[in-house]
């Protein structure tokens, strides 16, 4: 069996596949002892490379970005995130939005509706709502219901601050007053 005929993909190699490659290499060398000694470092490097590729993990920051790109799979929320979200919400949002008074009870649920399946789109909406009110059906519907005061742009908020606000709003769903 020639090495070129062995069609195994690197990410899917099993132990049996690796053993087959080693046996194939040994067979190609006709079991000459000096060839085996010369080939062992190369075989070890190949196996080490395959093992390294299989165990390679995505960095924590990349995993957070991937998780944050979907609304229904939020990044795990910790108490300090909720507290920072409360501070940011009170500083930037509370002047127009009240979570617990009549008319605005649905604000925390609005971040998880079927329209916001992509977290980046939700953040674009928060940063520039006038674009969505003119160009998107969801924004046009909100504009018809609430008028031009629907949402003020918040370009000064960064990604992390918006994540904290969302965590705080999700936390507030079951509450009846500010804590």
N, C-alpha and C. Protein backbone atom coordinates (compact mmCIF):
# COMPACT_ATOMS: atom_id res chain seq x y z
N UNK A 1 0.85 -1.17 0.00
CA UNK A 1 0.00 0.00 0.00
C UNK A 1 0.89 1.24 0.00
N UNK A 2 0.70 2.11 -0.95
CA UNK A 2 1.52 3.31 -1.05
C UNK A 2 0.95 4.40 -0.16
N UNK A 3 1.84 5.27 0.30
CA UNK A 3 1.42 6.37 1.17
C UNK A 3 0.44 7.28 0.45
N UNK A 4 0.64 7.49 -0.84
CA UNK A 4 -0.25 8.37 -1.60
C UNK A 4 -1.65 7.79 -1.69
N UNK A 5 -1.79 6.49 -1.58
CA UNK A 5 -3.11 5.87 -1.67
C UNK A 5 -3.89 5.98 -0.37
N UNK A 6 -3.21 6.27 0.72
CA UNK A 6 -3.88 6.38 2.02
C UNK A 6 -4.54 7.75 2.09
N UNK A 7 -5.86 7.79 2.11
CA UNK A 7 -6.59 9.06 2.05
C UNK A 7 -7.26 9.33 3.40
N UNK A 8 -6.48 9.82 4.33
CA UNK A 8 -7.01 10.20 5.64
C UNK A 8 -6.87 11.70 5.80
N UNK A 9 -7.89 12.33 6.34
CA UNK A 9 -7.83 13.77 6.58
C UNK A 9 -7.25 13.99 7.96
N UNK A 10 -6.42 15.01 8.11
CA UNK A 10 -5.74 15.27 9.38
C UNK A 10 -6.68 15.40 10.57
N UNK A 11 -7.74 16.25 10.52
CA UNK A 11 -8.55 16.41 11.72
C UNK A 11 -9.28 15.14 12.14
N UNK A 12 -9.51 14.21 11.23
CA UNK A 12 -10.30 13.04 11.56
C UNK A 12 -9.49 11.80 11.84
N UNK A 13 -8.18 11.91 11.97
CA UNK A 13 -7.35 10.74 12.18
C UNK A 13 -7.63 10.11 13.52
N UNK A 14 -7.75 8.81 13.51
CA UNK A 14 -7.91 8.07 14.76
C UNK A 14 -6.57 7.41 15.07
N UNK A 15 -6.51 6.73 16.21
CA UNK A 15 -5.28 6.02 16.56
C UNK A 15 -4.99 4.93 15.55
N UNK A 16 -6.05 4.26 15.10
CA UNK A 16 -5.86 3.20 14.10
C UNK A 16 -5.32 3.78 12.80
N UNK A 17 -5.78 4.98 12.44
CA UNK A 17 -5.28 5.63 11.23
C UNK A 17 -3.82 5.99 11.35
N UNK A 18 -3.42 6.47 12.52
CA UNK A 18 -2.01 6.81 12.74
C UNK A 18 -1.14 5.57 12.69
N UNK A 19 -1.62 4.49 13.29
CA UNK A 19 -0.87 3.22 13.25
C UNK A 19 -0.74 2.73 11.82
N UNK A 20 -1.81 2.89 11.04
CA UNK A 20 -1.76 2.48 9.63
C UNK A 20 -0.71 3.28 8.88
N UNK A 21 -0.60 4.57 9.16
CA UNK A 21 0.41 5.40 8.50
C UNK A 21 1.81 4.94 8.89
N UNK A 22 2.01 4.65 10.17
CA UNK A 22 3.33 4.17 10.61
C UNK A 22 3.67 2.85 9.93
N UNK A 23 2.72 1.93 9.91
CA UNK A 23 2.97 0.63 9.26
C UNK A 23 3.25 0.81 7.78
N UNK A 24 2.52 1.72 7.15
CA UNK A 24 2.74 1.98 5.72
C UNK A 24 4.15 2.53 5.50
N UNK A 25 4.56 3.45 6.37
CA UNK A 25 5.91 4.01 6.25
C UNK A 25 6.97 2.93 6.45
N UNK A 26 6.74 2.09 7.45
CA UNK A 26 7.70 1.01 7.69
C UNK A 26 7.75 0.03 6.52
N UNK A 27 6.60 -0.24 5.92
CA UNK A 27 6.56 -1.14 4.78
C UNK A 27 7.30 -0.54 3.60
N UNK A 28 7.16 0.78 3.40
CA UNK A 28 7.84 1.44 2.30
C UNK A 28 9.36 1.42 2.47
N UNK A 29 9.81 1.35 3.70
CA UNK A 29 11.24 1.35 3.96
C UNK A 29 11.84 -0.05 3.89
N UNK A 30 11.00 -1.03 3.57
CA UNK A 30 11.45 -2.42 3.46
C UNK A 30 12.15 -2.90 4.73
N UNK A 31 11.79 -2.31 5.84
CA UNK A 31 12.26 -2.72 7.17
C UNK A 31 13.78 -2.69 7.32
N UNK A 32 14.45 -1.85 6.56
CA UNK A 32 15.89 -1.70 6.76
C UNK A 32 16.11 -0.89 8.03
N UNK A 33 16.94 -1.41 8.87
CA UNK A 33 17.13 -0.82 10.19
C UNK A 33 17.64 0.62 10.12
N UNK A 34 18.60 0.87 9.25
CA UNK A 34 19.13 2.23 9.19
C UNK A 34 18.08 3.20 8.68
N UNK A 35 17.20 2.76 7.78
CA UNK A 35 16.13 3.64 7.28
C UNK A 35 15.12 3.93 8.39
N UNK A 36 14.87 2.94 9.23
CA UNK A 36 13.92 3.15 10.34
C UNK A 36 14.47 4.21 11.28
N UNK A 37 15.76 4.09 11.61
CA UNK A 37 16.35 5.08 12.51
C UNK A 37 16.34 6.48 11.91
N UNK A 38 16.55 6.57 10.59
CA UNK A 38 16.51 7.88 9.95
C UNK A 38 15.08 8.41 9.87
N UNK A 39 14.12 7.53 9.74
CA UNK A 39 12.73 7.95 9.57
C UNK A 39 12.01 8.23 10.89
N UNK A 40 12.48 7.65 12.00
CA UNK A 40 11.79 7.83 13.28
C UNK A 40 11.59 9.29 13.68
N UNK A 41 12.60 10.15 13.59
CA UNK A 41 12.33 11.55 13.97
C UNK A 41 11.25 12.20 13.11
N UNK A 42 11.25 11.91 11.83
CA UNK A 42 10.22 12.46 10.95
C UNK A 42 8.83 11.94 11.29
N UNK A 43 8.74 10.64 11.56
CA UNK A 43 7.45 10.05 11.93
C UNK A 43 6.96 10.66 13.24
N UNK A 44 7.88 10.80 14.19
CA UNK A 44 7.49 11.40 15.48
C UNK A 44 7.01 12.83 15.30
N UNK A 45 7.68 13.59 14.45
CA UNK A 45 7.24 14.96 14.20
C UNK A 45 5.86 15.01 13.55
N UNK A 46 5.62 14.12 12.60
CA UNK A 46 4.30 14.06 11.95
C UNK A 46 3.23 13.72 12.97
N UNK A 47 3.47 12.70 13.79
CA UNK A 47 2.48 12.31 14.79
C UNK A 47 2.26 13.41 15.83
N UNK A 48 3.34 14.07 16.23
CA UNK A 48 3.21 15.18 17.17
C UNK A 48 2.40 16.33 16.55
N UNK A 49 2.65 16.61 15.29
CA UNK A 49 1.89 17.65 14.59
C UNK A 49 0.42 17.31 14.49
N UNK A 50 0.10 16.05 14.17
CA UNK A 50 -1.30 15.62 14.09
C UNK A 50 -1.96 15.74 15.45
N UNK A 51 -1.26 15.29 16.49
CA UNK A 51 -1.81 15.39 17.85
C UNK A 51 -2.03 16.85 18.24
N UNK A 52 -1.09 17.71 17.91
CA UNK A 52 -1.20 19.13 18.24
C UNK A 52 -2.38 19.76 17.50
N UNK A 53 -2.56 19.42 16.24
CA UNK A 53 -3.69 19.97 15.47
C UNK A 53 -5.02 19.51 16.05
N UNK A 54 -5.09 18.28 16.53
CA UNK A 54 -6.35 17.77 17.08
C UNK A 54 -6.68 18.40 18.42
N UNK A 55 -5.66 18.75 19.19
CA UNK A 55 -5.92 19.31 20.52
C UNK A 55 -5.89 20.83 20.53
N UNK A 56 -5.63 21.44 19.38
CA UNK A 56 -5.60 22.89 19.29
C UNK A 56 -6.97 23.45 19.65
N UNK A 57 -7.00 24.41 20.54
CA UNK A 57 -8.27 24.98 20.97
C UNK A 57 -8.35 26.44 20.54
N UNK A 58 -9.57 26.91 20.36
CA UNK A 58 -9.81 28.31 20.05
C UNK A 58 -9.51 29.12 21.30
N UNK A 59 -8.89 30.29 21.12
CA UNK A 59 -8.59 31.12 22.29
C UNK A 59 -9.87 31.55 22.98
N UNK A 60 -9.76 31.93 24.25
CA UNK A 60 -10.92 32.31 25.04
C UNK A 60 -11.63 33.50 24.43
N UNK A 61 -10.89 34.50 23.96
CA UNK A 61 -11.51 35.70 23.38
C UNK A 61 -12.27 35.33 22.11
N UNK A 62 -11.70 34.47 21.25
CA UNK A 62 -12.40 34.05 20.05
C UNK A 62 -13.66 33.28 20.40
N UNK A 63 -13.60 32.43 21.43
CA UNK A 63 -14.78 31.68 21.85
C UNK A 63 -15.87 32.62 22.34
N UNK A 64 -15.50 33.69 23.05
CA UNK A 64 -16.49 34.65 23.52
C UNK A 64 -17.13 35.38 22.35
N UNK A 65 -16.35 35.73 21.35
CA UNK A 65 -16.90 36.42 20.18
C UNK A 65 -17.84 35.50 19.42
N UNK A 66 -17.45 34.24 19.26
CA UNK A 66 -18.32 33.28 18.58
C UNK A 66 -19.62 33.10 19.35
N UNK A 67 -19.52 32.97 20.67
CA UNK A 67 -20.73 32.80 21.48
C UNK A 67 -21.58 34.05 21.47
N UNK A 68 -20.95 35.21 21.39
CA UNK A 68 -21.71 36.46 21.42
C UNK A 68 -22.39 36.75 20.10
N UNK A 69 -21.99 36.08 19.02
CA UNK A 69 -22.59 36.38 17.73
C UNK A 69 -24.01 35.86 17.62
N UNK A 70 -24.46 35.02 18.52
CA UNK A 70 -25.83 34.51 18.51
C UNK A 70 -26.53 34.95 19.78
N UNK A 71 -27.71 35.52 19.65
CA UNK A 71 -28.44 36.03 20.80
C UNK A 71 -28.89 34.90 21.70
N UNK A 72 -29.31 33.77 21.12
CA UNK A 72 -29.86 32.70 21.95
C UNK A 72 -28.80 31.91 22.70
N UNK A 73 -27.53 32.16 22.44
CA UNK A 73 -26.46 31.51 23.17
C UNK A 73 -25.55 32.58 23.77
N UNK A 74 -26.01 33.26 24.81
CA UNK A 74 -25.22 34.36 25.36
C UNK A 74 -23.99 33.87 26.11
N UNK A 75 -23.05 34.79 26.26
CA UNK A 75 -21.87 34.53 27.06
C UNK A 75 -22.31 34.36 28.52
N UNK A 76 -21.71 33.44 29.26
CA UNK A 76 -22.10 33.28 30.66
C UNK A 76 -22.01 34.61 31.42
N UNK A 77 -23.00 34.85 32.25
CA UNK A 77 -23.10 36.13 32.95
C UNK A 77 -22.65 35.95 34.39
N UNK A 78 -21.80 36.85 34.84
CA UNK A 78 -21.34 36.84 36.21
C UNK A 78 -21.86 38.09 36.92
N UNK A 79 -21.86 38.09 38.22
CA UNK A 79 -22.42 39.19 39.00
C UNK A 79 -21.77 40.52 38.64
N UNK A 80 -20.46 40.55 38.47
CA UNK A 80 -19.81 41.82 38.14
C UNK A 80 -20.25 42.34 36.78
N UNK A 81 -20.55 41.44 35.84
CA UNK A 81 -21.06 41.86 34.53
C UNK A 81 -22.41 42.53 34.69
N UNK A 82 -23.28 41.95 35.52
CA UNK A 82 -24.60 42.53 35.75
C UNK A 82 -24.47 43.89 36.43
N UNK A 83 -23.58 43.99 37.39
CA UNK A 83 -23.38 45.27 38.09
C UNK A 83 -22.86 46.34 37.14
N UNK A 84 -21.89 45.98 36.29
CA UNK A 84 -21.39 46.95 35.31
C UNK A 84 -22.48 47.31 34.32
N UNK A 85 -23.31 46.33 33.93
CA UNK A 85 -24.43 46.60 33.03
C UNK A 85 -25.42 47.56 33.65
N UNK A 86 -25.68 47.42 34.94
CA UNK A 86 -26.60 48.33 35.64
C UNK A 86 -26.04 49.76 35.62
N UNK A 87 -24.75 49.90 35.86
CA UNK A 87 -24.12 51.22 35.85
C UNK A 87 -24.21 51.85 34.47
N UNK A 88 -23.88 51.08 33.43
CA UNK A 88 -23.92 51.59 32.06
C UNK A 88 -25.36 51.93 31.67
N UNK A 89 -26.32 51.06 32.03
CA UNK A 89 -27.73 51.31 31.71
C UNK A 89 -28.21 52.60 32.38
N UNK A 90 -27.88 52.78 33.65
CA UNK A 90 -28.31 53.99 34.35
C UNK A 90 -27.67 55.24 33.76
N UNK A 91 -26.45 55.12 33.29
CA UNK A 91 -25.75 56.29 32.74
C UNK A 91 -26.26 56.66 31.35
N UNK A 92 -26.51 55.67 30.48
CA UNK A 92 -26.81 55.96 29.09
C UNK A 92 -28.26 55.74 28.68
N UNK A 93 -29.00 54.90 29.39
CA UNK A 93 -30.33 54.50 28.91
C UNK A 93 -31.48 54.95 29.80
N UNK A 94 -31.21 55.14 31.08
CA UNK A 94 -32.29 55.37 32.03
C UNK A 94 -33.01 56.69 31.82
N UNK A 95 -32.35 57.65 31.17
CA UNK A 95 -33.02 58.93 30.94
C UNK A 95 -34.23 58.78 30.02
N UNK A 96 -34.25 57.77 29.17
CA UNK A 96 -35.40 57.55 28.27
C UNK A 96 -36.18 56.28 28.60
N UNK A 97 -35.51 55.27 29.11
CA UNK A 97 -36.14 53.97 29.33
C UNK A 97 -36.26 53.65 30.81
N UNK A 98 -37.45 53.24 31.20
CA UNK A 98 -37.67 52.75 32.55
C UNK A 98 -38.12 51.31 32.41
N UNK A 99 -37.47 50.42 33.08
CA UNK A 99 -37.78 49.00 32.91
C UNK A 99 -39.09 48.64 33.59
N UNK A 100 -39.37 49.23 34.74
CA UNK A 100 -40.44 48.71 35.58
C UNK A 100 -41.73 49.51 35.54
N UNK A 101 -41.82 50.54 34.72
CA UNK A 101 -43.06 51.31 34.65
C UNK A 101 -43.89 50.85 33.47
N UNK A 102 -45.16 51.17 33.48
CA UNK A 102 -46.06 50.75 32.40
C UNK A 102 -45.57 51.28 31.06
N UNK A 103 -45.74 50.46 30.04
CA UNK A 103 -45.32 50.84 28.70
C UNK A 103 -43.94 50.36 28.33
N UNK A 104 -43.08 50.13 29.28
CA UNK A 104 -41.72 49.71 28.98
C UNK A 104 -41.38 48.36 29.60
N UNK A 105 -42.38 47.64 30.01
CA UNK A 105 -42.16 46.33 30.62
C UNK A 105 -41.53 45.37 29.61
N UNK A 106 -41.78 45.56 28.33
CA UNK A 106 -41.31 44.64 27.30
C UNK A 106 -39.88 44.94 26.83
N UNK A 107 -39.26 45.96 27.38
CA UNK A 107 -37.90 46.29 26.96
C UNK A 107 -36.92 45.14 27.14
N UNK A 108 -36.85 44.46 28.28
CA UNK A 108 -35.89 43.35 28.40
C UNK A 108 -36.17 42.21 27.42
N UNK A 109 -37.43 41.93 27.10
CA UNK A 109 -37.73 40.85 26.16
C UNK A 109 -37.39 41.25 24.73
N UNK A 110 -37.35 42.55 24.43
CA UNK A 110 -37.10 42.99 23.06
C UNK A 110 -35.73 42.56 22.56
N UNK A 111 -34.79 42.32 23.43
CA UNK A 111 -33.46 41.92 22.98
C UNK A 111 -33.41 40.46 22.57
N UNK A 112 -34.41 39.67 22.92
CA UNK A 112 -34.41 38.25 22.59
C UNK A 112 -35.51 37.85 21.62
N UNK A 113 -36.09 38.80 20.91
CA UNK A 113 -37.14 38.41 19.98
C UNK A 113 -36.55 37.78 18.72
N UNK A 114 -37.41 37.28 17.85
CA UNK A 114 -36.94 36.54 16.67
C UNK A 114 -36.22 37.44 15.67
N UNK A 115 -36.38 38.76 15.78
CA UNK A 115 -35.71 39.66 14.84
C UNK A 115 -34.20 39.72 15.08
N UNK A 116 -33.79 39.65 16.33
CA UNK A 116 -32.38 39.81 16.67
C UNK A 116 -31.69 38.46 16.81
N UNK A 117 -31.60 37.71 15.73
CA UNK A 117 -30.88 36.43 15.78
C UNK A 117 -29.37 36.64 15.71
N UNK A 118 -28.96 37.78 15.20
CA UNK A 118 -27.53 38.08 15.09
C UNK A 118 -27.19 39.21 16.07
N UNK A 119 -26.30 38.96 16.99
CA UNK A 119 -25.95 39.94 18.01
C UNK A 119 -25.36 41.20 17.38
N UNK A 120 -24.60 41.05 16.30
CA UNK A 120 -24.01 42.23 15.66
C UNK A 120 -25.07 43.17 15.13
N UNK A 121 -26.16 42.62 14.60
CA UNK A 121 -27.25 43.46 14.11
C UNK A 121 -27.92 44.21 15.26
N UNK A 122 -28.09 43.55 16.39
CA UNK A 122 -28.65 44.22 17.56
C UNK A 122 -27.77 45.39 17.99
N UNK A 123 -26.46 45.20 17.96
CA UNK A 123 -25.55 46.27 18.36
C UNK A 123 -25.57 47.41 17.34
N UNK A 124 -25.68 47.08 16.06
CA UNK A 124 -25.80 48.14 15.05
C UNK A 124 -27.07 48.94 15.26
N UNK A 125 -28.15 48.25 15.63
CA UNK A 125 -29.41 48.92 15.93
C UNK A 125 -29.23 49.88 17.11
N UNK A 126 -28.55 49.42 18.14
CA UNK A 126 -28.34 50.27 19.31
C UNK A 126 -27.44 51.47 19.00
N UNK A 127 -26.47 51.29 18.12
CA UNK A 127 -25.56 52.37 17.79
C UNK A 127 -26.14 53.36 16.78
N UNK A 128 -26.95 52.88 15.83
CA UNK A 128 -27.52 53.78 14.82
C UNK A 128 -28.95 53.36 14.50
N UNK A 129 -29.91 53.68 15.37
CA UNK A 129 -31.29 53.25 15.15
C UNK A 129 -31.97 53.96 13.98
N UNK A 130 -31.50 55.15 13.61
CA UNK A 130 -32.14 55.87 12.51
C UNK A 130 -32.02 55.10 11.20
N UNK A 131 -30.91 54.39 10.99
CA UNK A 131 -30.76 53.57 9.79
C UNK A 131 -31.83 52.48 9.74
N UNK A 132 -32.04 51.81 10.86
CA UNK A 132 -33.03 50.73 10.90
C UNK A 132 -34.46 51.25 10.79
N UNK A 133 -34.72 52.43 11.36
CA UNK A 133 -36.07 52.98 11.27
C UNK A 133 -36.42 53.37 9.84
N UNK A 134 -35.42 53.63 9.01
CA UNK A 134 -35.67 54.00 7.62
C UNK A 134 -35.63 52.80 6.68
N UNK A 135 -34.79 51.82 6.97
CA UNK A 135 -34.50 50.76 6.00
C UNK A 135 -34.98 49.36 6.35
N UNK A 136 -35.24 49.08 7.60
CA UNK A 136 -35.63 47.73 8.01
C UNK A 136 -37.10 47.68 8.41
N UNK A 137 -37.82 46.60 8.05
CA UNK A 137 -39.25 46.50 8.42
C UNK A 137 -39.47 46.57 9.93
N UNK A 138 -38.62 45.96 10.72
CA UNK A 138 -38.76 45.99 12.17
C UNK A 138 -38.63 47.43 12.69
N UNK A 139 -37.64 48.14 12.18
CA UNK A 139 -37.44 49.53 12.59
C UNK A 139 -38.58 50.43 12.13
N UNK A 140 -39.11 50.19 10.92
CA UNK A 140 -40.24 50.98 10.43
C UNK A 140 -41.47 50.77 11.31
N UNK A 141 -41.68 49.53 11.74
CA UNK A 141 -42.81 49.23 12.62
C UNK A 141 -42.67 49.97 13.96
N UNK A 142 -41.47 49.97 14.53
CA UNK A 142 -41.24 50.70 15.78
C UNK A 142 -41.42 52.20 15.58
N UNK A 143 -40.98 52.70 14.44
CA UNK A 143 -41.13 54.13 14.16
C UNK A 143 -42.61 54.51 14.07
N UNK A 144 -43.41 53.65 13.43
CA UNK A 144 -44.85 53.92 13.34
C UNK A 144 -45.51 53.88 14.71
N UNK A 145 -45.05 52.99 15.59
CA UNK A 145 -45.65 52.88 16.92
C UNK A 145 -45.23 54.01 17.86
N UNK A 146 -43.94 54.33 17.85
CA UNK A 146 -43.42 55.26 18.86
C UNK A 146 -42.95 56.60 18.31
N UNK A 147 -42.85 56.73 17.00
CA UNK A 147 -42.39 57.99 16.43
C UNK A 147 -40.88 58.10 16.43
N UNK A 148 -40.40 59.31 16.20
CA UNK A 148 -38.96 59.51 16.04
C UNK A 148 -38.19 59.40 17.36
N UNK A 149 -38.88 59.36 18.48
CA UNK A 149 -38.19 59.24 19.77
C UNK A 149 -38.00 57.78 20.17
N UNK A 150 -38.11 56.89 19.20
CA UNK A 150 -38.03 55.45 19.48
C UNK A 150 -36.73 55.08 20.19
N UNK A 151 -35.59 55.51 19.67
CA UNK A 151 -34.31 55.18 20.29
C UNK A 151 -33.28 56.21 19.84
N UNK A 152 -32.56 56.73 20.78
CA UNK A 152 -31.50 57.69 20.47
C UNK A 152 -30.22 56.91 20.17
N UNK A 153 -29.42 57.39 19.22
CA UNK A 153 -28.17 56.68 18.91
C UNK A 153 -27.22 56.65 20.11
N UNK A 154 -26.50 55.56 20.24
CA UNK A 154 -25.53 55.42 21.33
C UNK A 154 -24.18 54.98 20.78
N UNK A 155 -23.56 55.80 19.92
CA UNK A 155 -22.30 55.37 19.30
C UNK A 155 -21.14 55.28 20.29
N UNK A 156 -21.28 55.89 21.45
CA UNK A 156 -20.17 55.88 22.41
C UNK A 156 -20.06 54.57 23.18
N UNK A 157 -21.05 53.70 23.06
CA UNK A 157 -20.99 52.41 23.75
C UNK A 157 -20.18 51.41 22.92
N UNK A 158 -19.31 50.68 23.59
CA UNK A 158 -18.55 49.66 22.88
C UNK A 158 -19.23 48.30 23.04
N UNK A 159 -18.66 47.29 22.40
CA UNK A 159 -19.22 45.93 22.39
C UNK A 159 -19.40 45.40 23.81
N UNK A 160 -18.37 45.56 24.63
CA UNK A 160 -18.41 45.02 25.99
C UNK A 160 -19.51 45.70 26.82
N UNK A 161 -19.66 47.01 26.67
CA UNK A 161 -20.71 47.72 27.43
C UNK A 161 -22.10 47.27 27.00
N UNK A 162 -22.29 47.02 25.71
CA UNK A 162 -23.59 46.55 25.24
C UNK A 162 -23.87 45.14 25.75
N UNK A 163 -22.84 44.30 25.80
CA UNK A 163 -23.01 42.96 26.38
C UNK A 163 -23.44 43.06 27.84
N UNK A 164 -22.83 43.99 28.57
CA UNK A 164 -23.18 44.17 29.98
C UNK A 164 -24.61 44.66 30.14
N UNK A 165 -25.05 45.57 29.27
CA UNK A 165 -26.44 46.06 29.33
C UNK A 165 -27.40 44.91 29.07
N UNK A 166 -27.10 44.08 28.07
CA UNK A 166 -27.97 42.94 27.76
C UNK A 166 -28.02 41.98 28.94
N UNK A 167 -26.88 41.73 29.57
CA UNK A 167 -26.86 40.85 30.75
C UNK A 167 -27.71 41.44 31.86
N UNK A 168 -27.63 42.74 32.07
CA UNK A 168 -28.43 43.39 33.11
C UNK A 168 -29.92 43.32 32.78
N UNK A 169 -30.28 43.55 31.53
CA UNK A 169 -31.70 43.49 31.15
C UNK A 169 -32.26 42.08 31.32
N UNK A 170 -31.48 41.08 30.98
CA UNK A 170 -31.93 39.69 31.18
C UNK A 170 -32.09 39.39 32.67
N UNK A 171 -31.21 39.93 33.47
CA UNK A 171 -31.29 39.74 34.92
C UNK A 171 -32.55 40.41 35.47
N UNK A 172 -32.93 41.55 34.92
CA UNK A 172 -34.07 42.33 35.43
C UNK A 172 -35.43 41.73 35.08
N UNK A 173 -35.49 40.75 34.23
CA UNK A 173 -36.79 40.21 33.79
C UNK A 173 -37.69 39.81 34.94
N UNK A 174 -37.16 39.15 35.94
CA UNK A 174 -37.98 38.66 37.04
C UNK A 174 -38.08 39.61 38.21
N UNK A 175 -37.51 40.80 38.08
CA UNK A 175 -37.50 41.75 39.20
C UNK A 175 -38.69 42.70 39.11
N UNK A 176 -39.04 43.29 40.25
CA UNK A 176 -40.13 44.27 40.29
C UNK A 176 -39.64 45.65 40.67
N UNK A 177 -38.37 45.79 41.02
CA UNK A 177 -37.83 47.11 41.34
C UNK A 177 -36.31 47.06 41.18
N UNK A 178 -35.71 48.23 41.11
CA UNK A 178 -34.25 48.29 41.03
C UNK A 178 -33.64 47.82 42.33
N UNK A 179 -32.50 47.17 42.23
CA UNK A 179 -31.80 46.73 43.45
C UNK A 179 -30.55 47.54 43.62
